[in-house]
Amino acid sequence: MCMKYTDENNKSKVVRRLKLLEGQIRGLQKMVENNTYCIDIITQTSAVKQGLSNVEDLLLENHLGDCVIQQIKSGQTKKAKEEIIKVYKLKRK
């Protein structure tokens, strides 16, 4: 199972985005505690969902561009195909 980052730039992007999301979640907590207008909170939750989707995109790009390619090169085409289908189904949700 491939669980490494060969692209340090991609890794730093993922970590940076996760830190931003962490801050957004804390901001959402404060908004709820301060009885902020519901529509404003929903707007921020939508931004968090989009941010998570962007993180997923980066992770998927890394996985397909490195791990799956390695599997194919090493003759593990069945495993590579199964993983591609798995991530495709996850991403559709």
PDB file of N, CA and C in Angstrom:
ATOM      1  N   MET A   1       0.846  -1.178   0.000  1.00  0.00           N
ATOM      2  CA  MET A   1       0.000   0.000   0.000  1.00  0.00           C
ATOM      3  C   MET A   1       0.893   1.244   0.000  1.00  0.00           C
ATOM      4  N   CYS A   2       0.637   2.117  -0.925  1.00  0.00           N
ATOM      5  CA  CYS A   2       1.420   3.341  -1.066  1.00  0.00           C
ATOM      6  C   CYS A   2       0.867   4.400  -0.119  1.00  0.00           C
ATOM      7  N   MET A   3       1.690   4.823   0.820  1.00  0.00           N
ATOM      8  CA  MET A   3       1.231   5.826   1.782  1.00  0.00           C
ATOM      9  C   MET A   3       2.311   6.889   1.988  1.00  0.00           C
ATOM     10  N   LYS A   4       2.860   7.333   0.896  1.00  0.00           N
ATOM     11  CA  LYS A   4       3.917   8.328   1.022  1.00  0.00           C
ATOM     12  C   LYS A   4       3.694   9.425   0.002  1.00  0.00           C
ATOM     13  N   TYR A   5       4.360  10.498   0.235  1.00  0.00           N
ATOM     14  CA  TYR A   5       4.327  11.601  -0.707  1.00  0.00           C
ATOM     15  C   TYR A   5       5.693  11.716  -1.353  1.00  0.00           C
ATOM     16  N   THR A   6       5.712  11.584  -2.661  1.00  0.00           N
ATOM     17  CA  THR A   6       6.951  11.844  -3.361  1.00  0.00           C
ATOM     18  C   THR A   6       7.000  13.309  -3.788  1.00  0.00           C
ATOM     19  N   ASP A   7       5.857  13.926  -3.857  1.00  0.00           N
ATOM     20  CA  ASP A   7       5.771  15.326  -4.252  1.00  0.00           C
ATOM     21  C   ASP A   7       5.621  16.183  -2.993  1.00  0.00           C
ATOM     22  N   GLU A   8       6.731  16.713  -2.520  1.00  0.00           N
ATOM     23  CA  GLU A   8       6.709  17.517  -1.288  1.00  0.00           C
ATOM     24  C   GLU A   8       5.871  18.782  -1.454  1.00  0.00           C
ATOM     25  N   ASN A   9       5.828  19.320  -2.662  1.00  0.00           N
ATOM     26  CA  ASN A   9       5.013  20.503  -2.906  1.00  0.00           C
ATOM     27  C   ASN A   9       3.535  20.177  -2.684  1.00  0.00           C
ATOM     28  N   ASN A  10       3.101  19.036  -3.194  1.00  0.00           N
ATOM     29  CA  ASN A  10       1.716  18.607  -3.004  1.00  0.00           C
ATOM     30  C   ASN A  10       1.431  18.368  -1.522  1.00  0.00           C
ATOM     31  N   LYS A  11       2.366  17.746  -0.835  1.00  0.00           N
ATOM     32  CA  LYS A  11       2.207  17.482   0.596  1.00  0.00           C
ATOM     33  C   LYS A  11       2.046  18.790   1.367  1.00  0.00           C
ATOM     34  N   SER A  12       2.871  19.766   1.065  1.00  0.00           N
ATOM     35  CA  SER A  12       2.782  21.038   1.786  1.00  0.00           C
ATOM     36  C   SER A  12       1.470  21.751   1.477  1.00  0.00           C
ATOM     37  N   LYS A  13       0.958  21.599   0.257  1.00  0.00           N
ATOM     38  CA  LYS A  13      -0.344  22.181  -0.083  1.00  0.00           C
ATOM     39  C   LYS A  13      -1.456  21.549   0.746  1.00  0.00           C
ATOM     40  N   VAL A  14      -1.417  20.224   0.873  1.00  0.00           N
ATOM     41  CA  VAL A  14      -2.435  19.525   1.648  1.00  0.00           C
ATOM     42  C   VAL A  14      -2.380  19.962   3.110  1.00  0.00           C
ATOM     43  N   VAL A  15      -1.197  19.994   3.686  1.00  0.00           N
ATOM     44  CA  VAL A  15      -1.047  20.384   5.092  1.00  0.00           C
ATOM     45  C   VAL A  15      -1.518  21.820   5.294  1.00  0.00           C
ATOM     46  N   ARG A  16      -1.150  22.713   4.397  1.00  0.00           N
ATOM     47  CA  ARG A  16      -1.555  24.120   4.499  1.00  0.00           C
ATOM     48  C   ARG A  16      -3.079  24.249   4.446  1.00  0.00           C
ATOM     49  N   ARG A  17      -3.689  23.531   3.521  1.00  0.00           N
ATOM     50  CA  ARG A  17      -5.149  23.600   3.402  1.00  0.00           C
ATOM     51  C   ARG A  17      -5.846  23.011   4.619  1.00  0.00           C
ATOM     52  N   LEU A  18      -5.297  21.938   5.169  1.00  0.00           N
ATOM     53  CA  LEU A  18      -5.890  21.356   6.374  1.00  0.00           C
ATOM     54  C   LEU A  18      -5.795  22.317   7.552  1.00  0.00           C
ATOM     55  N   LYS A  19      -4.691  23.039   7.645  1.00  0.00           N
ATOM     56  CA  LYS A  19      -4.557  24.034   8.717  1.00  0.00           C
ATOM     57  C   LYS A  19      -5.571  25.164   8.552  1.00  0.00           C
ATOM     58  N   LEU A  20      -5.786  25.570   7.306  1.00  0.00           N
ATOM     59  CA  LEU A  20      -6.794  26.595   7.045  1.00  0.00           C
ATOM     60  C   LEU A  20      -8.185  26.095   7.439  1.00  0.00           C
ATOM     61  N   LEU A  21      -8.471  24.855   7.096  1.00  0.00           N
ATOM     62  CA  LEU A  21      -9.762  24.270   7.456  1.00  0.00           C
ATOM     63  C   LEU A  21      -9.936  24.176   8.969  1.00  0.00           C
ATOM     64  N   GLU A  22      -8.856  23.849   9.638  1.00  0.00           N
ATOM     65  CA  GLU A  22      -8.892  23.796  11.107  1.00  0.00           C
ATOM     66  C   GLU A  22      -9.310  25.160  11.669  1.00  0.00           C
ATOM     67  N   GLY A  23      -8.744  26.214  11.122  1.00  0.00           N
ATOM     68  CA  GLY A  23      -9.100  27.562  11.548  1.00  0.00           C
ATOM     69  C   GLY A  23     -10.549  27.901  11.224  1.00  0.00           C
ATOM     70  N   GLN A  24     -11.005  27.445  10.060  1.00  0.00           N
ATOM     71  CA  GLN A  24     -12.397  27.700   9.689  1.00  0.00           C
ATOM     72  C   GLN A  24     -13.357  26.980  10.641  1.00  0.00           C
ATOM     73  N   ILE A  25     -13.018  25.769  11.037  1.00  0.00           N
ATOM     74  CA  ILE A  25     -13.863  25.017  11.963  1.00  0.00           C
ATOM     75  C   ILE A  25     -13.924  25.733  13.310  1.00  0.00           C
ATOM     76  N   ARG A  26     -12.794  26.214  13.770  1.00  0.00           N
ATOM     77  CA  ARG A  26     -12.789  26.976  15.030  1.00  0.00           C
ATOM     78  C   ARG A  26     -13.657  28.227  14.908  1.00  0.00           C
ATOM     79  N   GLY A  27     -13.565  28.877  13.747  1.00  0.00           N
ATOM     80  CA  GLY A  27     -14.397  30.051  13.501  1.00  0.00           C
ATOM     81  C   GLY A  27     -15.877  29.711  13.517  1.00  0.00           C
ATOM     82  N   LEU A  28     -16.223  28.551  12.959  1.00  0.00           N
ATOM     83  CA  LEU A  28     -17.614  28.104  12.987  1.00  0.00           C
ATOM     84  C   LEU A  28     -18.100  27.869  14.414  1.00  0.00           C
ATOM     85  N   GLN A  29     -17.239  27.276  15.225  1.00  0.00           N
ATOM     86  CA  GLN A  29     -17.609  27.057  16.627  1.00  0.00           C
ATOM     87  C   GLN A  29     -17.914  28.379  17.313  1.00  0.00           C
ATOM     88  N   LYS A  30     -17.079  29.376  17.071  1.00  0.00           N
ATOM     89  CA  LYS A  30     -17.294  30.689  17.686  1.00  0.00           C
ATOM     90  C   LYS A  30     -18.571  31.336  17.161  1.00  0.00           C
ATOM     91  N   MET A  31     -18.837  31.147  15.866  1.00  0.00           N
ATOM     92  CA  MET A  31     -20.052  31.707  15.282  1.00  0.00           C
ATOM     93  C   MET A  31     -21.291  31.129  15.978  1.00  0.00           C
ATOM     94  N   VAL A  32     -21.289  29.824  16.207  1.00  0.00           N
ATOM     95  CA  VAL A  32     -22.429  29.183  16.881  1.00  0.00           C
ATOM     96  C   VAL A  32     -22.527  29.681  18.321  1.00  0.00           C
ATOM     97  N   GLU A  33     -21.389  29.727  19.010  1.00  0.00           N
ATOM     98  CA  GLU A  33     -21.378  30.195  20.397  1.00  0.00           C
ATOM     99  C   GLU A  33     -21.884  31.631  20.511  1.00  0.00           C
ATOM    100  N   ASN A  34     -21.607  32.456  19.494  1.00  0.00           N
ATOM    101  CA  ASN A  34     -21.997  33.863  19.508  1.00  0.00           C
ATOM    102  C   ASN A  34     -23.370  34.108  18.880  1.00  0.00           C
ATOM    103  N   ASN A  35     -24.093  33.015  18.606  1.00  0.00           N
ATOM    104  CA  ASN A  35     -25.430  33.125  18.010  1.00  0.00           C
ATOM    105  C   ASN A  35     -25.433  33.915  16.701  1.00  0.00           C
ATOM    106  N   THR A  36     -24.453  33.658  15.869  1.00  0.00           N
ATOM    107  CA  THR A  36     -24.366  34.310  14.562  1.00  0.00           C
ATOM    108  C   THR A  36     -25.549  33.877  13.699  1.00  0.00           C
ATOM    109  N   TYR A  37     -25.962  34.754  12.829  1.00  0.00           N
ATOM    110  CA  TYR A  37     -27.065  34.498  11.904  1.00  0.00           C
ATOM    111  C   TYR A  37     -26.833  33.174  11.169  1.00  0.00           C
ATOM    112  N   CYS A  38     -27.860  32.333  11.160  1.00  0.00           N
ATOM    113  CA  CYS A  38     -27.741  30.966  10.625  1.00  0.00           C
ATOM    114  C   CYS A  38     -27.223  30.930   9.185  1.00  0.00           C
ATOM    115  N   ILE A  39     -27.693  31.836   8.354  1.00  0.00           N
ATOM    116  CA  ILE A  39     -27.269  31.839   6.952  1.00  0.00           C
ATOM    117  C   ILE A  39     -25.770  32.098   6.846  1.00  0.00           C
ATOM    118  N   ASP A  40     -25.241  32.941   7.714  1.00  0.00           N
ATOM    119  CA  ASP A  40     -23.796  33.196   7.719  1.00  0.00           C
ATOM    120  C   ASP A  40     -23.019  31.940   8.109  1.00  0.00           C
ATOM    121  N   ILE A  41     -23.556  31.182   9.060  1.00  0.00           N
ATOM    122  CA  ILE A  41     -22.901  29.928   9.469  1.00  0.00           C
ATOM    123  C   ILE A  41     -22.953  28.921   8.325  1.00  0.00           C
ATOM    124  N   ILE A  42     -24.112  28.809   7.681  1.00  0.00           N
ATOM    125  CA  ILE A  42     -24.255  27.875   6.564  1.00  0.00           C
ATOM    126  C   ILE A  42     -23.303  28.243   5.427  1.00  0.00           C
ATOM    127  N   THR A  43     -23.132  29.526   5.193  1.00  0.00           N
ATOM    128  CA  THR A  43     -22.188  29.972   4.161  1.00  0.00           C
ATOM    129  C   THR A  43     -20.781  29.478   4.480  1.00  0.00           C
ATOM    130  N   GLN A  44     -20.405  29.577   5.744  1.00  0.00           N
ATOM    131  CA  GLN A  44     -19.075  29.121   6.146  1.00  0.00           C
ATOM    132  C   GLN A  44     -18.946  27.601   6.101  1.00  0.00           C
ATOM    133  N   THR A  45     -20.024  26.877   6.449  1.00  0.00           N
ATOM    134  CA  THR A  45     -19.945  25.416   6.359  1.00  0.00           C
ATOM    135  C   THR A  45     -19.793  24.976   4.908  1.00  0.00           C
ATOM    136  N   SER A  46     -20.410  25.708   4.004  1.00  0.00           N
ATOM    137  CA  SER A  46     -20.247  25.406   2.578  1.00  0.00           C
ATOM    138  C   SER A  46     -18.801  25.614   2.136  1.00  0.00           C
ATOM    139  N   ALA A  47     -18.176  26.652   2.664  1.00  0.00           N
ATOM    140  CA  ALA A  47     -16.773  26.914   2.341  1.00  0.00           C
ATOM    141  C   ALA A  47     -15.883  25.795   2.869  1.00  0.00           C
ATOM    142  N   VAL A  48     -16.197  25.283   4.055  1.00  0.00           N
ATOM    143  CA  VAL A  48     -15.423  24.179   4.630  1.00  0.00           C
ATOM    144  C   VAL A  48     -15.571  22.927   3.766  1.00  0.00           C
ATOM    145  N   LYS A  49     -16.803  22.646   3.334  1.00  0.00           N
ATOM    146  CA  LYS A  49     -17.020  21.470   2.473  1.00  0.00           C
ATOM    147  C   LYS A  49     -16.227  21.595   1.176  1.00  0.00           C
ATOM    148  N   GLN A  50     -16.203  22.774   0.591  1.00  0.00           N
ATOM    149  CA  GLN A  50     -15.438  22.980  -0.636  1.00  0.00           C
ATOM    150  C   GLN A  50     -13.948  22.815  -0.369  1.00  0.00           C
ATOM    151  N   GLY A  51     -13.505  23.306   0.781  1.00  0.00           N
ATOM    152  CA  GLY A  51     -12.096  23.146   1.146  1.00  0.00           C
ATOM    153  C   GLY A  51     -11.710  21.688   1.295  1.00  0.00           C
ATOM    154  N   LEU A  52     -12.571  20.900   1.919  1.00  0.00           N
ATOM    155  CA  LEU A  52     -12.314  19.466   2.052  1.00  0.00           C
ATOM    156  C   LEU A  52     -12.288  18.778   0.691  1.00  0.00           C
ATOM    157  N   SER A  53     -13.166  19.207  -0.189  1.00  0.00           N
ATOM    158  CA  SER A  53     -13.185  18.651  -1.540  1.00  0.00           C
ATOM    159  C   SER A  53     -11.867  18.949  -2.264  1.00  0.00           C
ATOM    160  N   ASN A  54     -11.346  20.138  -2.053  1.00  0.00           N
ATOM    161  CA  ASN A  54     -10.059  20.494  -2.660  1.00  0.00           C
ATOM    162  C   ASN A  54      -8.921  19.639  -2.104  1.00  0.00           C
ATOM    163  N   VAL A  55      -8.964  19.350  -0.804  1.00  0.00           N
ATOM    164  CA  VAL A  55      -7.955  18.471  -0.201  1.00  0.00           C
ATOM    165  C   VAL A  55      -8.060  17.078  -0.816  1.00  0.00           C
ATOM    166  N   GLU A  56      -9.282  16.577  -0.957  1.00  0.00           N
ATOM    167  CA  GLU A  56      -9.477  15.276  -1.590  1.00  0.00           C
ATOM    168  C   GLU A  56      -8.887  15.253  -3.000  1.00  0.00           C
ATOM    169  N   ASP A  57      -9.098  16.329  -3.748  1.00  0.00           N
ATOM    170  CA  ASP A  57      -8.564  16.405  -5.107  1.00  0.00           C
ATOM    171  C   ASP A  57      -7.042  16.289  -5.118  1.00  0.00           C
ATOM    172  N   LEU A  58      -6.393  16.991  -4.207  1.00  0.00           N
ATOM    173  CA  LEU A  58      -4.932  16.928  -4.133  1.00  0.00           C
ATOM    174  C   LEU A  58      -4.451  15.529  -3.754  1.00  0.00           C
ATOM    175  N   LEU A  59      -5.137  14.915  -2.789  1.00  0.00           N
ATOM    176  CA  LEU A  59      -4.756  13.564  -2.376  1.00  0.00           C
ATOM    177  C   LEU A  59      -4.963  12.568  -3.515  1.00  0.00           C
ATOM    178  N   LEU A  60      -6.063  12.705  -4.216  1.00  0.00           N
ATOM    179  CA  LEU A  60      -6.349  11.826  -5.340  1.00  0.00           C
ATOM    180  C   LEU A  60      -5.316  12.000  -6.452  1.00  0.00           C
ATOM    181  N   GLU A  61      -4.974  13.237  -6.728  1.00  0.00           N
ATOM    182  CA  GLU A  61      -3.956  13.522  -7.742  1.00  0.00           C
ATOM    183  C   GLU A  61      -2.633  12.850  -7.379  1.00  0.00           C
ATOM    184  N   ASN A  62      -2.242  12.946  -6.121  1.00  0.00           N
ATOM    185  CA  ASN A  62      -1.006  12.324  -5.670  1.00  0.00           C
ATOM    186  C   ASN A  62      -1.094  10.802  -5.804  1.00  0.00           C
ATOM    187  N   HIS A  63      -2.213  10.258  -5.376  1.00  0.00           N
ATOM    188  CA  HIS A  63      -2.357   8.799  -5.392  1.00  0.00           C
ATOM    189  C   HIS A  63      -2.328   8.256  -6.822  1.00  0.00           C
ATOM    190  N   LEU A  64      -3.093   8.881  -7.694  1.00  0.00           N
ATOM    191  CA  LEU A  64      -3.127   8.407  -9.080  1.00  0.00           C
ATOM    192  C   LEU A  64      -1.795   8.647  -9.786  1.00  0.00           C
ATOM    193  N   GLY A  65      -1.171   9.772  -9.503  1.00  0.00           N
ATOM    194  CA  GLY A  65       0.072  10.129 -10.178  1.00  0.00           C
ATOM    195  C   GLY A  65       1.292   9.388  -9.682  1.00  0.00           C
ATOM    196  N   ASP A  66       1.201   8.750  -8.514  1.00  0.00           N
ATOM    197  CA  ASP A  66       2.365   8.060  -7.969  1.00  0.00           C
ATOM    198  C   ASP A  66       2.053   6.607  -7.639  1.00  0.00           C
ATOM    199  N   CYS A  67       1.184   6.405  -6.690  1.00  0.00           N
ATOM    200  CA  CYS A  67       0.925   5.049  -6.183  1.00  0.00           C
ATOM    201  C   CYS A  67       0.362   4.127  -7.258  1.00  0.00           C
ATOM    202  N   VAL A  68      -0.668   4.591  -7.965  1.00  0.00           N
ATOM    203  CA  VAL A  68      -1.289   3.745  -8.977  1.00  0.00           C
ATOM    204  C   VAL A  68      -0.319   3.491 -10.127  1.00  0.00           C
ATOM    205  N   ILE A  69       0.444   4.494 -10.495  1.00  0.00           N
ATOM    206  CA  ILE A  69       1.443   4.314 -11.555  1.00  0.00           C
ATOM    207  C   ILE A  69       2.464   3.260 -11.144  1.00  0.00           C
ATOM    208  N   GLN A  70       2.909   3.315  -9.891  1.00  0.00           N
ATOM    209  CA  GLN A  70       3.857   2.303  -9.396  1.00  0.00           C
ATOM    210  C   GLN A  70       3.254   0.905  -9.452  1.00  0.00           C
ATOM    211  N   GLN A  71       1.987   0.788  -9.095  1.00  0.00           N
ATOM    212  CA  GLN A  71       1.328  -0.510  -9.148  1.00  0.00           C
ATOM    213  C   GLN A  71       1.292  -1.048 -10.576  1.00  0.00           C
ATOM    214  N   ILE A  72       0.965  -0.198 -11.510  1.00  0.00           N
ATOM    215  CA  ILE A  72       0.895  -0.620 -12.912  1.00  0.00           C
ATOM    216  C   ILE A  72       2.277  -1.046 -13.401  1.00  0.00           C
ATOM    217  N   LYS A  73       3.281  -0.247 -13.091  1.00  0.00           N
ATOM    218  CA  LYS A  73       4.640  -0.573 -13.516  1.00  0.00           C
ATOM    219  C   LYS A  73       5.143  -1.886 -12.930  1.00  0.00           C
ATOM    220  N   SER A  74       4.672  -2.209 -11.721  1.00  0.00           N
ATOM    221  CA  SER A  74       5.130  -3.445 -11.079  1.00  0.00           C
ATOM    222  C   SER A  74       4.229  -4.641 -11.420  1.00  0.00           C
ATOM    223  N   GLY A  75       3.300  -4.451 -12.345  1.00  0.00           N
ATOM    224  CA  GLY A  75       2.458  -5.551 -12.785  1.00  0.00           C
ATOM    225  C   GLY A  75       1.208  -5.772 -11.961  1.00  0.00           C
ATOM    226  N   GLN A  76       0.924  -4.891 -11.025  1.00  0.00           N
ATOM    227  CA  GLN A  76      -0.268  -5.032 -10.180  1.00  0.00           C
ATOM    228  C   GLN A  76      -1.453  -4.282 -10.805  1.00  0.00           C
ATOM    229  N   THR A  77      -1.747  -4.612 -12.051  1.00  0.00           N
ATOM    230  CA  THR A  77      -2.781  -3.869 -12.775  1.00  0.00           C
ATOM    231  C   THR A  77      -4.174  -4.081 -12.179  1.00  0.00           C
ATOM    232  N   LYS A  78      -4.452  -5.291 -11.692  1.00  0.00           N
ATOM    233  CA  LYS A  78      -5.768  -5.552 -11.088  1.00  0.00           C
ATOM    234  C   LYS A  78      -5.965  -4.672  -9.857  1.00  0.00           C
ATOM    235  N   LYS A  79      -4.937  -4.603  -9.010  1.00  0.00           N
ATOM    236  CA  LYS A  79      -5.008  -3.768  -7.804  1.00  0.00           C
ATOM    237  C   LYS A  79      -5.166  -2.296  -8.187  1.00  0.00           C
ATOM    238  N   ALA A  80      -4.424  -1.850  -9.191  1.00  0.00           N
ATOM    239  CA  ALA A  80      -4.514  -0.459  -9.635  1.00  0.00           C
ATOM    240  C   ALA A  80      -5.921  -0.147 -10.126  1.00  0.00           C
ATOM    241  N   LYS A  81      -6.480  -1.042 -10.912  1.00  0.00           N
ATOM    242  CA  LYS A  81      -7.836  -0.847 -11.428  1.00  0.00           C
ATOM    243  C   LYS A  81      -8.839  -0.774 -10.278  1.00  0.00           C
ATOM    244  N   GLU A  82      -8.725  -1.665  -9.306  1.00  0.00           N
ATOM    245  CA  GLU A  82      -9.633  -1.665  -8.155  1.00  0.00           C
ATOM    246  C   GLU A  82      -9.546  -0.357  -7.372  1.00  0.00           C
ATOM    247  N   GLU A  83      -8.336   0.152  -7.214  1.00  0.00           N
ATOM    248  CA  GLU A  83      -8.165   1.411  -6.475  1.00  0.00           C
ATOM    249  C   GLU A  83      -8.735   2.591  -7.243  1.00  0.00           C
ATOM    250  N   ILE A  84      -8.552   2.596  -8.553  1.00  0.00           N
ATOM    251  CA  ILE A  84      -9.108   3.680  -9.364  1.00  0.00           C
ATOM    252  C   ILE A  84     -10.627   3.685  -9.245  1.00  0.00           C
ATOM    253  N   ILE A  85     -11.230   2.524  -9.331  1.00  0.00           N
ATOM    254  CA  ILE A  85     -12.687   2.424  -9.209  1.00  0.00           C
ATOM    255  C   ILE A  85     -13.131   2.844  -7.807  1.00  0.00           C
ATOM    256  N   LYS A  86     -12.387   2.421  -6.787  1.00  0.00           N
ATOM    257  CA  LYS A  86     -12.733   2.776  -5.407  1.00  0.00           C
ATOM    258  C   LYS A  86     -12.720   4.290  -5.194  1.00  0.00           C
ATOM    259  N   VAL A  87     -11.656   4.954  -5.628  1.00  0.00           N
ATOM    260  CA  VAL A  87     -11.583   6.402  -5.420  1.00  0.00           C
ATOM    261  C   VAL A  87     -12.606   7.132  -6.281  1.00  0.00           C
ATOM    262  N   TYR A  88     -12.899   6.593  -7.444  1.00  0.00           N
ATOM    263  CA  TYR A  88     -13.924   7.194  -8.285  1.00  0.00           C
ATOM    264  C   TYR A  88     -15.270   7.172  -7.568  1.00  0.00           C
ATOM    265  N   LYS A  89     -15.609   6.015  -6.993  1.00  0.00           N
ATOM    266  CA  LYS A  89     -16.880   5.904  -6.270  1.00  0.00           C
ATOM    267  C   LYS A  89     -16.913   6.797  -5.038  1.00  0.00           C
ATOM    268  N   LEU A  90     -15.804   6.875  -4.319  1.00  0.00           N
ATOM    269  CA  LEU A  90     -15.749   7.754  -3.147  1.00  0.00           C
ATOM    270  C   LEU A  90     -15.943   9.210  -3.546  1.00  0.00           C
ATOM    271  N   LYS A  91     -15.328   9.609  -4.621  1.00  0.00           N
ATOM    272  CA  LYS A  91     -15.378  10.998  -5.055  1.00  0.00           C
ATOM    273  C   LYS A  91     -16.767  11.387  -5.566  1.00  0.00           C
ATOM    274  N   ARG A  92     -17.512  10.421  -6.073  1.00  0.00           N
ATOM    275  CA  ARG A  92     -18.872  10.703  -6.567  1.00  0.00           C
ATOM    276  C   ARG A  92     -19.839  11.028  -5.451  1.00  0.00           C
ATOM    277  N   LYS A  93     -19.569  10.588  -4.238  1.00  0.00           N
ATOM    278  CA  LYS A  93     -20.495  10.786  -3.119  1.00  0.00           C
ATOM    279  C   LYS A  93     -20.577  12.236  -2.714  1.00  0.00           C
TER     280      LYS A  93
END
